[in-house]
N, C-alpha and C. Protein backbone atom coordinates (compact mmCIF):
# COMPACT_ATOMS: atom_id res chain seq x y z
N MET A 1 -6.72 -74.17 26.56
CA MET A 1 -7.03 -72.77 26.69
C MET A 1 -7.68 -72.30 25.40
N SER A 2 -8.66 -71.45 25.54
CA SER A 2 -9.33 -70.98 24.34
C SER A 2 -8.49 -69.93 23.61
N LYS A 3 -8.73 -69.83 22.32
CA LYS A 3 -7.97 -68.87 21.50
C LYS A 3 -8.20 -67.44 21.97
N SER A 4 -9.41 -67.13 22.40
CA SER A 4 -9.69 -65.76 22.83
C SER A 4 -8.92 -65.42 24.11
N LEU A 5 -8.79 -66.36 25.03
CA LEU A 5 -8.04 -66.12 26.26
C LEU A 5 -6.56 -65.94 25.95
N ILE A 6 -6.03 -66.77 25.07
CA ILE A 6 -4.62 -66.64 24.67
C ILE A 6 -4.40 -65.31 23.98
N SER A 7 -5.30 -64.93 23.12
CA SER A 7 -5.19 -63.64 22.42
C SER A 7 -5.22 -62.49 23.42
N PHE A 8 -6.10 -62.57 24.40
CA PHE A 8 -6.20 -61.51 25.41
C PHE A 8 -4.90 -61.42 26.22
N LEU A 9 -4.37 -62.57 26.64
CA LEU A 9 -3.12 -62.56 27.41
C LEU A 9 -1.97 -62.00 26.59
N LEU A 10 -1.90 -62.34 25.33
CA LEU A 10 -0.86 -61.79 24.45
C LEU A 10 -1.02 -60.28 24.31
N LEU A 11 -2.26 -59.81 24.19
CA LEU A 11 -2.51 -58.38 24.09
C LEU A 11 -2.04 -57.65 25.35
N VAL A 12 -2.36 -58.21 26.50
CA VAL A 12 -1.93 -57.59 27.76
C VAL A 12 -0.41 -57.56 27.85
N LEU A 13 0.25 -58.65 27.51
CA LEU A 13 1.71 -58.69 27.55
C LEU A 13 2.33 -57.71 26.56
N LEU A 14 1.80 -57.66 25.35
CA LEU A 14 2.32 -56.72 24.36
C LEU A 14 2.11 -55.28 24.80
N THR A 15 0.95 -54.99 25.37
CA THR A 15 0.67 -53.65 25.86
C THR A 15 1.63 -53.29 26.98
N ALA A 16 1.85 -54.22 27.89
CA ALA A 16 2.75 -53.96 29.01
C ALA A 16 4.18 -53.73 28.53
N CYS A 17 4.63 -54.50 27.57
CA CYS A 17 6.00 -54.36 27.07
C CYS A 17 6.17 -53.14 26.19
N SER A 18 5.18 -52.83 25.37
CA SER A 18 5.34 -51.75 24.40
C SER A 18 5.18 -50.36 25.01
N SER A 19 4.47 -50.24 26.11
CA SER A 19 4.23 -48.92 26.68
C SER A 19 5.11 -48.64 27.89
N ASN A 20 6.26 -49.23 27.93
CA ASN A 20 7.15 -49.08 29.07
C ASN A 20 7.98 -47.80 28.97
N GLU A 21 7.30 -46.69 28.82
CA GLU A 21 7.97 -45.41 28.75
C GLU A 21 8.45 -45.01 30.14
N LYS A 22 9.36 -44.08 30.19
CA LYS A 22 9.86 -43.60 31.47
C LYS A 22 8.95 -42.50 31.98
N ALA A 23 8.66 -42.56 33.25
CA ALA A 23 7.83 -41.53 33.87
C ALA A 23 8.70 -40.32 34.18
N GLY A 24 8.22 -39.15 33.78
CA GLY A 24 8.93 -37.92 34.10
C GLY A 24 8.60 -37.52 35.53
N VAL A 25 9.54 -36.84 36.18
CA VAL A 25 9.33 -36.46 37.58
C VAL A 25 10.08 -35.17 37.90
N VAL A 26 9.49 -34.40 38.78
CA VAL A 26 10.16 -33.25 39.40
C VAL A 26 9.83 -33.31 40.88
N TYR A 27 10.74 -32.84 41.71
CA TYR A 27 10.45 -32.83 43.14
C TYR A 27 11.29 -31.80 43.87
N HIS A 28 10.78 -31.42 45.02
CA HIS A 28 11.43 -30.42 45.86
C HIS A 28 12.52 -31.13 46.66
N ASP A 29 13.77 -30.79 46.42
CA ASP A 29 14.85 -31.55 47.05
C ASP A 29 15.15 -31.14 48.49
N ARG A 30 14.39 -30.21 49.04
CA ARG A 30 14.57 -29.85 50.45
C ARG A 30 13.62 -30.62 51.36
N PHE A 31 12.77 -31.44 50.78
CA PHE A 31 11.86 -32.27 51.58
C PHE A 31 12.56 -33.59 51.89
N ASP A 32 12.43 -34.09 53.12
CA ASP A 32 13.07 -35.34 53.52
C ASP A 32 12.17 -36.52 53.15
N PHE A 33 12.30 -36.99 51.92
CA PHE A 33 11.49 -38.10 51.44
C PHE A 33 11.81 -39.40 52.17
N SER A 34 13.01 -39.55 52.67
CA SER A 34 13.40 -40.79 53.35
C SER A 34 12.70 -40.96 54.70
N ALA A 35 12.18 -39.89 55.27
CA ALA A 35 11.50 -39.96 56.57
C ALA A 35 10.04 -40.38 56.46
N VAL A 36 9.53 -40.43 55.25
CA VAL A 36 8.11 -40.74 55.04
C VAL A 36 7.84 -42.22 55.29
N GLN A 37 6.84 -42.47 56.13
CA GLN A 37 6.42 -43.84 56.41
C GLN A 37 4.94 -44.06 56.09
N SER A 38 4.16 -42.99 56.12
CA SER A 38 2.72 -43.14 55.91
C SER A 38 2.22 -42.16 54.85
N TYR A 39 1.11 -42.52 54.27
CA TYR A 39 0.49 -41.69 53.23
C TYR A 39 -1.02 -41.78 53.36
N SER A 40 -1.68 -40.91 52.63
CA SER A 40 -3.13 -40.95 52.56
C SER A 40 -3.57 -40.42 51.21
N LEU A 41 -4.83 -40.57 50.94
CA LEU A 41 -5.49 -40.00 49.76
C LEU A 41 -6.57 -39.07 50.29
N TYR A 42 -6.90 -38.03 49.52
CA TYR A 42 -8.00 -37.17 49.94
C TYR A 42 -9.31 -37.93 49.82
N GLU A 43 -10.23 -37.61 50.71
CA GLU A 43 -11.54 -38.26 50.69
C GLU A 43 -12.34 -37.80 49.48
N ARG A 44 -13.33 -38.58 49.12
CA ARG A 44 -14.14 -38.31 47.93
C ARG A 44 -14.90 -36.99 48.00
N ASN A 45 -15.21 -36.51 49.17
CA ASN A 45 -15.98 -35.26 49.29
C ASN A 45 -15.09 -34.05 49.57
N SER A 46 -13.80 -34.15 49.29
CA SER A 46 -12.87 -33.05 49.56
C SER A 46 -12.84 -32.06 48.39
N LYS A 47 -12.20 -30.92 48.62
CA LYS A 47 -12.04 -29.90 47.57
C LYS A 47 -11.24 -30.48 46.40
N PHE A 48 -10.33 -31.39 46.70
CA PHE A 48 -9.51 -32.02 45.66
C PHE A 48 -10.37 -32.73 44.62
N THR A 49 -11.36 -33.49 45.05
CA THR A 49 -12.16 -34.26 44.09
C THR A 49 -13.00 -33.38 43.19
N GLU A 50 -13.23 -32.13 43.61
CA GLU A 50 -13.97 -31.20 42.76
C GLU A 50 -13.16 -30.84 41.51
N THR A 51 -11.86 -31.05 41.54
CA THR A 51 -11.00 -30.72 40.39
C THR A 51 -10.94 -31.86 39.38
N GLN A 52 -11.58 -32.96 39.68
CA GLN A 52 -11.53 -34.14 38.84
C GLN A 52 -12.85 -34.32 38.09
N GLY A 53 -12.76 -34.63 36.84
CA GLY A 53 -13.94 -34.99 36.05
C GLY A 53 -13.89 -36.47 35.73
N LEU A 54 -13.68 -37.28 36.75
CA LEU A 54 -13.49 -38.72 36.53
C LEU A 54 -14.72 -39.53 36.93
N LEU A 55 -14.94 -40.59 36.19
CA LEU A 55 -15.96 -41.56 36.59
C LEU A 55 -15.45 -42.28 37.84
N ASP A 56 -16.37 -42.75 38.66
CA ASP A 56 -15.97 -43.46 39.87
C ASP A 56 -15.12 -44.69 39.57
N SER A 57 -15.43 -45.39 38.48
CA SER A 57 -14.67 -46.60 38.14
C SER A 57 -13.22 -46.25 37.82
N ARG A 58 -12.98 -45.14 37.13
CA ARG A 58 -11.61 -44.71 36.81
C ARG A 58 -10.89 -44.25 38.08
N ARG A 59 -11.61 -43.50 38.91
CA ARG A 59 -11.06 -43.03 40.19
C ARG A 59 -10.68 -44.23 41.07
N ASN A 60 -11.56 -45.23 41.12
CA ASN A 60 -11.27 -46.43 41.92
C ASN A 60 -10.04 -47.15 41.40
N ALA A 61 -9.92 -47.29 40.09
CA ALA A 61 -8.77 -47.98 39.50
C ALA A 61 -7.46 -47.26 39.85
N ILE A 62 -7.48 -45.94 39.77
CA ILE A 62 -6.28 -45.16 40.09
C ILE A 62 -5.93 -45.29 41.57
N GLU A 63 -6.93 -45.16 42.44
CA GLU A 63 -6.66 -45.23 43.87
C GLU A 63 -6.21 -46.63 44.30
N ILE A 64 -6.79 -47.66 43.73
CA ILE A 64 -6.37 -49.03 44.05
C ILE A 64 -4.93 -49.25 43.60
N ALA A 65 -4.58 -48.74 42.43
CA ALA A 65 -3.20 -48.87 41.93
C ALA A 65 -2.22 -48.11 42.82
N ILE A 66 -2.61 -46.92 43.29
CA ILE A 66 -1.75 -46.16 44.21
C ILE A 66 -1.56 -46.95 45.50
N GLU A 67 -2.66 -47.43 46.07
CA GLU A 67 -2.58 -48.18 47.33
C GLU A 67 -1.71 -49.43 47.18
N SER A 68 -1.85 -50.12 46.08
CA SER A 68 -1.07 -51.33 45.83
C SER A 68 0.43 -51.01 45.72
N SER A 69 0.77 -49.99 44.92
CA SER A 69 2.18 -49.61 44.75
C SER A 69 2.78 -49.10 46.06
N MET A 70 2.01 -48.33 46.80
CA MET A 70 2.53 -47.82 48.08
C MET A 70 2.74 -48.96 49.07
N ALA A 71 1.86 -49.93 49.09
CA ALA A 71 2.02 -51.09 49.99
C ALA A 71 3.25 -51.90 49.61
N ILE A 72 3.44 -52.13 48.32
CA ILE A 72 4.63 -52.86 47.86
C ILE A 72 5.91 -52.17 48.30
N ASN A 73 5.86 -50.84 48.32
CA ASN A 73 7.04 -50.05 48.69
C ASN A 73 7.08 -49.72 50.17
N LYS A 74 6.28 -50.43 50.96
CA LYS A 74 6.33 -50.39 52.43
C LYS A 74 5.85 -49.07 53.06
N PHE A 75 4.93 -48.38 52.38
CA PHE A 75 4.30 -47.20 52.96
C PHE A 75 2.98 -47.64 53.58
N ASN A 76 2.65 -47.08 54.73
CA ASN A 76 1.42 -47.44 55.44
C ASN A 76 0.34 -46.41 55.17
N TYR A 77 -0.86 -46.89 54.89
CA TYR A 77 -2.00 -46.00 54.69
C TYR A 77 -2.52 -45.56 56.05
N THR A 78 -2.86 -44.28 56.17
CA THR A 78 -3.42 -43.75 57.41
C THR A 78 -4.38 -42.61 57.09
N ASP A 79 -5.01 -42.06 58.11
CA ASP A 79 -5.92 -40.92 57.94
C ASP A 79 -5.16 -39.71 57.42
N VAL A 80 -5.85 -38.85 56.72
CA VAL A 80 -5.23 -37.64 56.15
C VAL A 80 -4.56 -36.81 57.23
N GLU A 81 -5.19 -36.70 58.39
CA GLU A 81 -4.64 -35.87 59.46
C GLU A 81 -3.33 -36.41 60.03
N LYS A 82 -3.07 -37.70 59.89
CA LYS A 82 -1.88 -38.33 60.47
C LYS A 82 -0.80 -38.65 59.43
N ALA A 83 -1.10 -38.49 58.18
CA ALA A 83 -0.20 -38.92 57.10
C ALA A 83 1.02 -38.03 56.96
N ASP A 84 2.15 -38.66 56.60
CA ASP A 84 3.38 -37.92 56.30
C ASP A 84 3.27 -37.23 54.95
N ILE A 85 2.56 -37.86 54.02
CA ILE A 85 2.32 -37.29 52.68
C ILE A 85 0.91 -37.64 52.25
N ILE A 86 0.42 -36.88 51.27
CA ILE A 86 -0.87 -37.18 50.65
C ILE A 86 -0.62 -37.33 49.16
N VAL A 87 -1.14 -38.41 48.59
CA VAL A 87 -0.98 -38.66 47.15
C VAL A 87 -2.24 -38.20 46.44
N THR A 88 -2.05 -37.38 45.40
CA THR A 88 -3.17 -36.92 44.58
C THR A 88 -2.91 -37.29 43.12
N TYR A 89 -3.92 -37.16 42.31
CA TYR A 89 -3.79 -37.55 40.90
C TYR A 89 -4.73 -36.71 40.05
N HIS A 90 -4.38 -36.64 38.78
CA HIS A 90 -5.21 -35.93 37.81
C HIS A 90 -5.01 -36.59 36.46
N LEU A 91 -6.08 -36.91 35.79
CA LEU A 91 -6.01 -37.44 34.43
C LEU A 91 -6.35 -36.28 33.51
N PHE A 92 -5.35 -35.77 32.79
CA PHE A 92 -5.53 -34.56 31.99
C PHE A 92 -6.39 -34.85 30.77
N ASN A 93 -7.52 -34.18 30.71
CA ASN A 93 -8.49 -34.39 29.63
C ASN A 93 -8.40 -33.32 28.55
N GLY A 94 -7.42 -32.45 28.62
CA GLY A 94 -7.24 -31.41 27.62
C GLY A 94 -7.85 -30.08 27.99
N LYS A 95 -8.59 -30.03 29.08
CA LYS A 95 -9.22 -28.78 29.52
C LYS A 95 -8.25 -28.02 30.44
N ARG A 96 -7.67 -26.97 29.91
CA ARG A 96 -6.67 -26.19 30.66
C ARG A 96 -7.24 -25.63 31.96
N GLY A 97 -8.49 -25.20 31.95
CA GLY A 97 -9.10 -24.64 33.15
C GLY A 97 -9.15 -25.66 34.28
N GLU A 98 -9.48 -26.90 33.93
CA GLU A 98 -9.55 -27.96 34.94
C GLU A 98 -8.15 -28.27 35.49
N TYR A 99 -7.17 -28.28 34.60
CA TYR A 99 -5.78 -28.53 35.00
C TYR A 99 -5.27 -27.39 35.90
N SER A 100 -5.59 -26.17 35.54
CA SER A 100 -5.18 -25.01 36.36
C SER A 100 -5.83 -25.08 37.74
N LYS A 101 -7.10 -25.48 37.78
CA LYS A 101 -7.80 -25.60 39.07
C LYS A 101 -7.15 -26.68 39.93
N TYR A 102 -6.77 -27.80 39.31
CA TYR A 102 -6.08 -28.86 40.03
C TYR A 102 -4.76 -28.33 40.61
N ASN A 103 -3.95 -27.66 39.77
CA ASN A 103 -2.67 -27.11 40.24
C ASN A 103 -2.88 -26.12 41.38
N GLU A 104 -3.90 -25.30 41.27
CA GLU A 104 -4.20 -24.32 42.32
C GLU A 104 -4.58 -25.02 43.62
N THR A 105 -5.39 -26.07 43.52
CA THR A 105 -5.85 -26.79 44.70
C THR A 105 -4.70 -27.44 45.46
N ILE A 106 -3.74 -27.99 44.72
CA ILE A 106 -2.62 -28.67 45.38
C ILE A 106 -1.38 -27.78 45.50
N HIS A 107 -1.52 -26.52 45.11
CA HIS A 107 -0.44 -25.53 45.20
C HIS A 107 0.81 -25.99 44.47
N PHE A 108 0.62 -26.41 43.22
CA PHE A 108 1.76 -26.75 42.37
C PHE A 108 2.11 -25.53 41.55
N CYS A 109 3.34 -25.10 41.66
CA CYS A 109 3.78 -23.86 41.03
C CYS A 109 4.70 -24.18 39.85
N VAL A 110 4.17 -24.10 38.63
CA VAL A 110 4.96 -24.39 37.44
C VAL A 110 6.18 -23.48 37.32
N PRO A 111 6.06 -22.15 37.51
CA PRO A 111 7.26 -21.30 37.44
C PRO A 111 8.31 -21.63 38.50
N CYS A 112 7.88 -22.21 39.62
CA CYS A 112 8.84 -22.55 40.69
C CYS A 112 9.81 -23.65 40.27
N LEU A 113 9.49 -24.39 39.20
CA LEU A 113 10.37 -25.46 38.75
C LEU A 113 11.74 -24.93 38.34
N ARG A 114 11.80 -23.66 38.03
CA ARG A 114 13.08 -23.06 37.66
C ARG A 114 13.95 -22.79 38.88
N ALA A 115 13.36 -22.83 40.06
CA ALA A 115 14.11 -22.60 41.30
C ALA A 115 15.09 -23.73 41.53
N THR A 116 16.16 -23.44 42.19
CA THR A 116 17.20 -24.46 42.42
C THR A 116 16.77 -25.53 43.41
N SER A 117 15.69 -25.33 44.13
CA SER A 117 15.26 -26.32 45.11
C SER A 117 14.43 -27.44 44.50
N TRP A 118 14.19 -27.39 43.19
CA TRP A 118 13.44 -28.45 42.52
C TRP A 118 14.39 -29.31 41.70
N GLN A 119 14.35 -30.61 41.91
CA GLN A 119 15.15 -31.57 41.16
C GLN A 119 14.41 -31.90 39.86
N THR A 120 15.05 -31.63 38.74
CA THR A 120 14.36 -31.79 37.46
C THR A 120 15.18 -32.59 36.45
N GLU A 121 16.07 -33.46 36.91
CA GLU A 121 16.93 -34.19 35.98
C GLU A 121 16.16 -35.12 35.04
N ASN A 122 15.04 -35.66 35.49
CA ASN A 122 14.22 -36.55 34.66
C ASN A 122 12.87 -35.89 34.42
N LYS A 123 12.90 -34.59 34.15
CA LYS A 123 11.68 -33.80 34.02
C LYS A 123 10.80 -34.32 32.89
N TYR A 124 9.51 -34.27 33.11
CA TYR A 124 8.55 -34.65 32.10
C TYR A 124 8.46 -33.57 31.03
N GLN A 125 7.98 -33.98 29.88
CA GLN A 125 7.74 -33.02 28.80
C GLN A 125 6.44 -32.28 29.11
N SER A 126 5.95 -31.50 28.21
CA SER A 126 4.71 -30.76 28.47
C SER A 126 3.54 -31.72 28.68
N ILE A 127 2.57 -31.27 29.46
CA ILE A 127 1.39 -32.07 29.77
C ILE A 127 0.52 -32.15 28.51
N MET A 128 0.10 -33.38 28.20
CA MET A 128 -0.75 -33.59 27.01
C MET A 128 -2.00 -34.35 27.42
N GLN A 129 -3.01 -34.26 26.60
CA GLN A 129 -4.25 -34.97 26.86
C GLN A 129 -3.96 -36.46 27.04
N GLY A 130 -4.56 -37.05 28.06
CA GLY A 130 -4.36 -38.47 28.34
C GLY A 130 -3.25 -38.74 29.32
N ASN A 131 -2.49 -37.71 29.73
CA ASN A 131 -1.42 -37.91 30.71
C ASN A 131 -2.02 -38.10 32.09
N LEU A 132 -1.44 -39.03 32.83
CA LEU A 132 -1.78 -39.21 34.23
C LEU A 132 -0.75 -38.45 35.05
N ILE A 133 -1.21 -37.66 35.99
CA ILE A 133 -0.35 -36.86 36.83
C ILE A 133 -0.52 -37.33 38.27
N LEU A 134 0.59 -37.64 38.93
CA LEU A 134 0.57 -37.96 40.35
C LEU A 134 1.33 -36.85 41.07
N ASP A 135 0.78 -36.41 42.18
CA ASP A 135 1.46 -35.43 43.02
C ASP A 135 1.53 -35.98 44.43
N ILE A 136 2.60 -35.58 45.11
CA ILE A 136 2.73 -35.87 46.54
C ILE A 136 2.67 -34.51 47.24
N ILE A 137 1.78 -34.45 48.20
CA ILE A 137 1.52 -33.21 48.93
C ILE A 137 2.17 -33.30 50.31
N ASP A 138 2.83 -32.23 50.70
CA ASP A 138 3.32 -32.07 52.07
C ASP A 138 2.13 -31.57 52.88
N PRO A 139 1.59 -32.38 53.81
CA PRO A 139 0.39 -31.96 54.54
C PRO A 139 0.65 -30.76 55.46
N GLN A 140 1.90 -30.56 55.86
CA GLN A 140 2.21 -29.41 56.72
C GLN A 140 2.10 -28.10 55.95
N LYS A 141 2.66 -28.08 54.74
CA LYS A 141 2.66 -26.87 53.93
C LYS A 141 1.49 -26.83 52.95
N LYS A 142 0.78 -27.96 52.83
CA LYS A 142 -0.39 -28.09 51.95
C LYS A 142 -0.06 -27.72 50.51
N ARG A 143 1.06 -28.27 50.03
CA ARG A 143 1.47 -28.00 48.66
C ARG A 143 2.20 -29.20 48.07
N SER A 144 2.20 -29.27 46.76
CA SER A 144 2.89 -30.35 46.05
C SER A 144 4.39 -30.21 46.22
N ILE A 145 5.03 -31.36 46.49
CA ILE A 145 6.49 -31.39 46.63
C ILE A 145 7.11 -32.39 45.66
N TRP A 146 6.26 -33.12 44.94
CA TRP A 146 6.72 -34.15 44.00
C TRP A 146 5.65 -34.34 42.95
N ARG A 147 6.06 -34.42 41.69
CA ARG A 147 5.10 -34.67 40.61
C ARG A 147 5.72 -35.60 39.59
N SER A 148 4.90 -36.55 39.15
CA SER A 148 5.28 -37.43 38.06
C SER A 148 4.18 -37.40 37.01
N VAL A 149 4.60 -37.48 35.74
CA VAL A 149 3.66 -37.46 34.63
C VAL A 149 3.97 -38.65 33.72
N TYR A 150 2.92 -39.31 33.27
CA TYR A 150 3.08 -40.48 32.41
C TYR A 150 1.99 -40.49 31.35
N PRO A 151 2.35 -40.79 30.10
CA PRO A 151 1.33 -40.86 29.04
C PRO A 151 0.53 -42.16 29.16
N LEU A 152 -0.65 -42.07 29.73
CA LEU A 152 -1.46 -43.25 30.02
C LEU A 152 -1.97 -43.93 28.75
N ALA A 153 -2.26 -43.19 27.73
CA ALA A 153 -2.68 -43.73 26.42
C ALA A 153 -3.86 -44.68 26.50
N LEU A 154 -4.89 -44.28 27.22
CA LEU A 154 -6.12 -45.07 27.25
C LEU A 154 -6.85 -44.87 25.94
N GLU A 155 -7.45 -45.95 25.46
CA GLU A 155 -8.19 -45.89 24.21
C GLU A 155 -9.63 -46.32 24.45
N GLU A 156 -10.53 -45.81 23.65
CA GLU A 156 -11.95 -46.16 23.80
C GLU A 156 -12.18 -47.65 23.69
N LYS A 157 -11.39 -48.33 22.86
CA LYS A 157 -11.58 -49.77 22.67
C LYS A 157 -11.07 -50.60 23.85
N ASP A 158 -10.30 -49.99 24.77
CA ASP A 158 -9.77 -50.72 25.93
C ASP A 158 -10.90 -51.16 26.85
N ASN A 159 -10.90 -52.44 27.17
CA ASN A 159 -11.88 -52.91 28.16
C ASN A 159 -11.35 -52.57 29.55
N SER A 160 -12.13 -52.85 30.59
CA SER A 160 -11.74 -52.46 31.94
C SER A 160 -10.46 -53.16 32.40
N ALA A 161 -10.23 -54.39 31.99
CA ALA A 161 -9.01 -55.11 32.40
C ALA A 161 -7.77 -54.44 31.79
N VAL A 162 -7.84 -54.09 30.52
CA VAL A 162 -6.71 -53.42 29.86
C VAL A 162 -6.49 -52.04 30.47
N THR A 163 -7.57 -51.30 30.70
CA THR A 163 -7.48 -49.98 31.31
C THR A 163 -6.83 -50.07 32.69
N ASN A 164 -7.29 -51.01 33.50
CA ASN A 164 -6.73 -51.17 34.85
C ASN A 164 -5.26 -51.56 34.79
N ASP A 165 -4.88 -52.42 33.84
CA ASP A 165 -3.47 -52.80 33.70
C ASP A 165 -2.61 -51.61 33.30
N LYS A 166 -3.11 -50.77 32.40
CA LYS A 166 -2.36 -49.58 32.00
C LYS A 166 -2.18 -48.63 33.19
N ILE A 167 -3.22 -48.47 33.99
CA ILE A 167 -3.16 -47.60 35.15
C ILE A 167 -2.17 -48.16 36.17
N LYS A 168 -2.25 -49.46 36.45
CA LYS A 168 -1.32 -50.08 37.41
C LYS A 168 0.13 -49.92 36.97
N GLN A 169 0.38 -50.18 35.70
CA GLN A 169 1.74 -50.07 35.17
C GLN A 169 2.24 -48.63 35.27
N ALA A 170 1.40 -47.68 34.88
CA ALA A 170 1.79 -46.27 34.92
C ALA A 170 2.13 -45.84 36.34
N ILE A 171 1.28 -46.17 37.29
CA ILE A 171 1.49 -45.74 38.67
C ILE A 171 2.72 -46.42 39.26
N SER A 172 2.92 -47.67 38.93
CA SER A 172 4.12 -48.37 39.39
C SER A 172 5.39 -47.69 38.86
N LEU A 173 5.40 -47.35 37.58
CA LEU A 173 6.56 -46.66 36.99
C LEU A 173 6.74 -45.27 37.58
N MET A 174 5.64 -44.60 37.82
CA MET A 174 5.71 -43.24 38.38
C MET A 174 6.26 -43.27 39.80
N LEU A 175 5.70 -44.14 40.64
CA LEU A 175 6.14 -44.18 42.04
C LEU A 175 7.54 -44.77 42.19
N ALA A 176 8.04 -45.47 41.18
CA ALA A 176 9.43 -45.95 41.20
C ALA A 176 10.39 -44.76 41.15
N GLN A 177 9.90 -43.60 40.75
CA GLN A 177 10.71 -42.38 40.69
C GLN A 177 10.71 -41.62 42.02
N TYR A 178 9.97 -42.09 43.00
CA TYR A 178 9.97 -41.47 44.33
C TYR A 178 11.40 -41.53 44.86
N PRO A 179 11.95 -40.44 45.36
CA PRO A 179 13.38 -40.40 45.73
C PRO A 179 13.85 -41.54 46.63
N LYS A 180 13.10 -41.92 47.62
CA LYS A 180 13.51 -43.01 48.53
C LYS A 180 13.53 -44.34 47.79
N ILE A 181 12.51 -44.63 47.01
CA ILE A 181 12.41 -45.89 46.27
C ILE A 181 13.49 -45.94 45.19
N ASN A 182 13.66 -44.85 44.49
CA ASN A 182 14.66 -44.75 43.43
C ASN A 182 16.06 -45.00 43.99
N ALA A 183 16.37 -44.46 45.17
CA ALA A 183 17.68 -44.66 45.80
C ALA A 183 17.87 -46.13 46.19
N GLU A 184 16.81 -46.76 46.70
CA GLU A 184 16.90 -48.17 47.10
C GLU A 184 17.11 -49.07 45.88
N ILE A 185 16.44 -48.75 44.78
CA ILE A 185 16.59 -49.54 43.55
C ILE A 185 18.04 -49.44 43.06
N LYS A 186 18.60 -48.24 43.08
CA LYS A 186 19.97 -48.05 42.63
C LYS A 186 20.98 -48.78 43.52
N GLN A 187 20.66 -48.89 44.85
CA GLN A 187 21.55 -49.59 45.77
C GLN A 187 21.37 -51.10 45.72
N GLY A 188 20.34 -51.56 45.04
CA GLY A 188 20.10 -52.99 44.90
C GLY A 188 19.30 -53.61 46.01
N ASN A 189 18.58 -52.81 46.80
CA ASN A 189 17.75 -53.34 47.90
C ASN A 189 16.43 -53.81 47.38
């Protein structure tokens, strides 16, 4: 094996081990997360994508990581009209206006987190530049019912393989906080 390949593999392993932070999460505890079997993502030409300032390559990496994690956790992908939930995402670039527009589009209510119907035991800290935000939308009420935030820590020097690995790891950690998955992990299933 060449030295550069070994160095790259060590870098990936060190990055994976060193950035194993816990994903913060809040969710609406009146929603029956255990009944969810299918999910979808909004299409590229939807109002949701207008809230994103992402390159297609970054968007693709995030969506592929979501699809992979959801498949591992036995959720089936389906059309938006038939889905039990819709998964959305936002990579916070520091522009408050863009973040506010995203929250407005998915009907995420920050002041509502104080309500007793939101579970906040593992609540995330304040949103910072570089954070990846995942939301789960109730398609019936057209509003966010679950949110996870993770410090993605992408760097300019990261090549596409490192970037994709960071995204996959983040989304895996975030979706592990989904109430149904989290309960199964605790039960040892």
